[in-house]
Protein backbone atom coordinates (compact mmCIF):
# COMPACT_ATOMS: atom_id res chain seq x y z
CA MET A 1 -0.67 -8.97 -28.20
CA LYS A 2 -1.62 -6.93 -31.33
CA LYS A 3 -1.66 -3.24 -31.41
CA PRO A 4 -5.81 -3.03 -31.44
CA LEU A 5 -6.14 -5.03 -28.41
CA ALA A 6 -3.43 -3.15 -26.65
CA ILE A 7 -5.15 0.12 -27.18
CA ILE A 8 -8.45 -1.21 -26.06
CA LEU A 9 -6.68 -2.45 -22.89
CA LEU A 10 -5.11 0.80 -22.43
CA ILE A 11 -8.51 2.77 -22.64
CA ILE A 12 -10.39 0.21 -20.53
CA PHE A 13 -7.50 -0.25 -17.62
CA GLY A 14 -5.87 3.05 -17.89
CA ASN A 15 -9.11 5.20 -17.26
CA ALA A 16 -11.03 2.60 -14.98
CA PHE A 17 -8.09 2.59 -12.58
CA THR A 18 -7.85 6.57 -12.82
CA LEU A 19 -11.73 6.38 -12.09
CA ALA A 20 -11.28 4.04 -9.19
CA LEU A 21 -8.46 6.19 -7.49
CA GLY A 22 -10.38 9.23 -7.93
CA GLY A 23 -13.53 7.75 -6.54
CA ALA A 24 -11.52 6.39 -3.39
CA ALA A 25 -9.76 9.58 -3.00
CA TRP A 26 -12.48 10.90 -0.75
CA PHE A 27 -11.36 8.40 2.13
CA PHE A 28 -8.33 10.34 2.34
CA VAL A 29 -9.61 13.93 2.51
CA ARG A 30 -8.25 14.58 5.95
CA MET A 31 -4.76 13.32 4.47
CA PRO A 32 -4.29 15.35 1.23
CA TRP A 33 -0.56 14.23 1.09
CA VAL A 34 -1.74 10.50 0.69
CA ILE A 35 -3.69 11.79 -2.37
CA ILE A 36 -0.56 13.83 -3.80
CA PHE A 37 1.68 10.87 -3.22
CA VAL A 38 -0.92 8.38 -5.03
CA THR A 39 -1.21 10.78 -7.86
CA VAL A 40 2.49 11.07 -8.42
CA GLY A 41 3.09 7.38 -7.99
CA HIS A 42 0.07 6.79 -10.40
CA ALA A 43 1.82 9.00 -13.10
CA ALA A 44 5.21 7.57 -12.60
CA LEU A 45 3.88 4.12 -13.19
CA SER A 46 2.11 5.36 -16.01
CA VAL A 47 5.01 6.82 -17.85
CA ILE A 48 6.83 3.61 -17.45
CA PHE A 49 4.03 1.75 -19.19
CA ALA A 50 3.87 4.49 -21.75
CA ARG A 51 7.32 4.02 -22.77
CA GLN A 52 6.86 0.37 -22.76
CA PHE A 53 3.66 1.07 -24.90
CA LYS A 54 5.75 3.36 -27.28
CA ARG A 55 8.53 0.98 -27.78
CA LYS A 56 6.40 -2.38 -28.47
CA PHE A 57 3.35 -0.90 -30.27
CA ALA A 58 4.74 2.37 -31.92
CA LEU A 59 2.10 4.85 -30.03
CA GLY A 60 2.92 8.12 -29.71
CA TYR A 61 2.75 9.75 -26.12
CA ARG A 62 0.10 12.07 -27.11
CA LYS A 63 -1.93 9.17 -28.37
CA ILE A 64 -1.08 7.34 -24.99
CA PHE A 65 -2.59 10.55 -23.13
CA PHE A 66 -5.65 10.80 -25.12
CA PHE A 67 -6.29 7.04 -24.92
CA GLY A 68 -5.31 6.37 -21.29
CA ALA A 69 -5.67 9.68 -19.33
CA LEU A 70 -8.28 12.20 -20.99
CA PRO A 71 -11.33 9.94 -21.30
CA ALA A 72 -11.47 9.66 -17.41
CA PHE A 73 -11.47 13.54 -17.16
CA VAL A 74 -14.48 13.41 -19.35
CA ILE A 75 -16.23 10.63 -17.88
CA SER A 76 -15.87 12.06 -14.54
CA ALA A 77 -17.12 15.55 -15.44
CA VAL A 78 -20.25 14.06 -17.51
CA SER A 79 -21.08 11.89 -14.69
CA GLY A 80 -20.90 14.79 -12.20
CA PHE A 81 -23.65 16.71 -14.08
CA PHE A 82 -25.82 13.58 -14.37
CA ILE A 83 -25.38 12.53 -10.80
CA PHE A 84 -26.37 15.67 -8.97
CA GLY A 85 -26.97 16.22 -5.34
CA ALA A 86 -24.48 17.31 -2.91
CA ASP A 87 -25.65 14.90 -0.26
CA SER A 88 -25.32 12.03 -2.37
CA PHE A 89 -22.61 9.56 -2.11
CA ASN A 90 -22.28 8.75 -5.89
CA TRP A 91 -22.11 12.68 -6.61
CA ILE A 92 -19.47 13.14 -3.84
CA ALA A 93 -17.46 10.14 -5.28
CA SER A 94 -17.78 11.59 -8.91
CA MET A 95 -16.47 14.83 -7.75
CA PHE A 96 -13.43 13.58 -6.19
CA ALA A 97 -12.91 11.42 -9.43
CA PHE A 98 -13.07 14.62 -11.27
CA PHE A 99 -10.58 16.51 -9.40
CA TYR A 100 -8.30 13.52 -9.26
CA SER A 101 -8.63 12.85 -12.86
CA ILE A 102 -7.75 16.86 -13.50
CA ALA A 103 -4.66 16.66 -11.26
CA TYR A 104 -3.84 13.35 -12.97
CA CYS A 105 -3.95 14.68 -16.46
CA PHE A 106 -1.68 17.68 -15.34
CA VAL A 107 0.87 15.37 -13.64
CA PHE A 108 0.73 12.74 -16.37
CA GLY A 109 0.62 15.13 -19.30
CA GLY A 110 3.74 17.26 -18.04
CA VAL A 111 5.81 13.95 -17.04
CA LEU A 112 5.05 12.77 -20.62
CA LEU A 113 5.92 16.12 -22.14
CA ILE A 114 9.34 16.19 -20.08
CA VAL A 115 10.30 12.46 -21.61
CA TRP A 116 9.23 13.46 -24.82
CA GLY A 117 11.67 16.27 -24.66
CA ARG A 118 14.39 14.53 -23.42
CA GLU A 119 13.88 11.56 -25.90
CA THR A 120 13.66 13.89 -29.00
CA TYR A 121 16.28 16.66 -28.09
CA GLY A 122 18.45 14.56 -25.79
CA LYS A 123 19.64 14.95 -22.24
């Protein structure tokens, strides 16, 4: 696989998966530990894929974060403003996607920062 195709797939699937998990998170409102568990597991799998992307395609962690996690946050924030109505199913799903993407950006960004620090400055 070539580098441009890998970046396109990272943008599409990384953000689509984040938005899908965030939109489905409203099913687990009564069990917040499930949302926390899914967020941490999603971030851990994303870090594993980020290390592989860095190794294979020479992408830095910053680019991986900006291509794979940040657009989901922006898309969900913008969709929350366009789909407005507190009793609308689409608005509720977009708000849960927004909150999930915020949490995912913090967890994924923090773990990537830790991995980058360990790789750069040693253990």
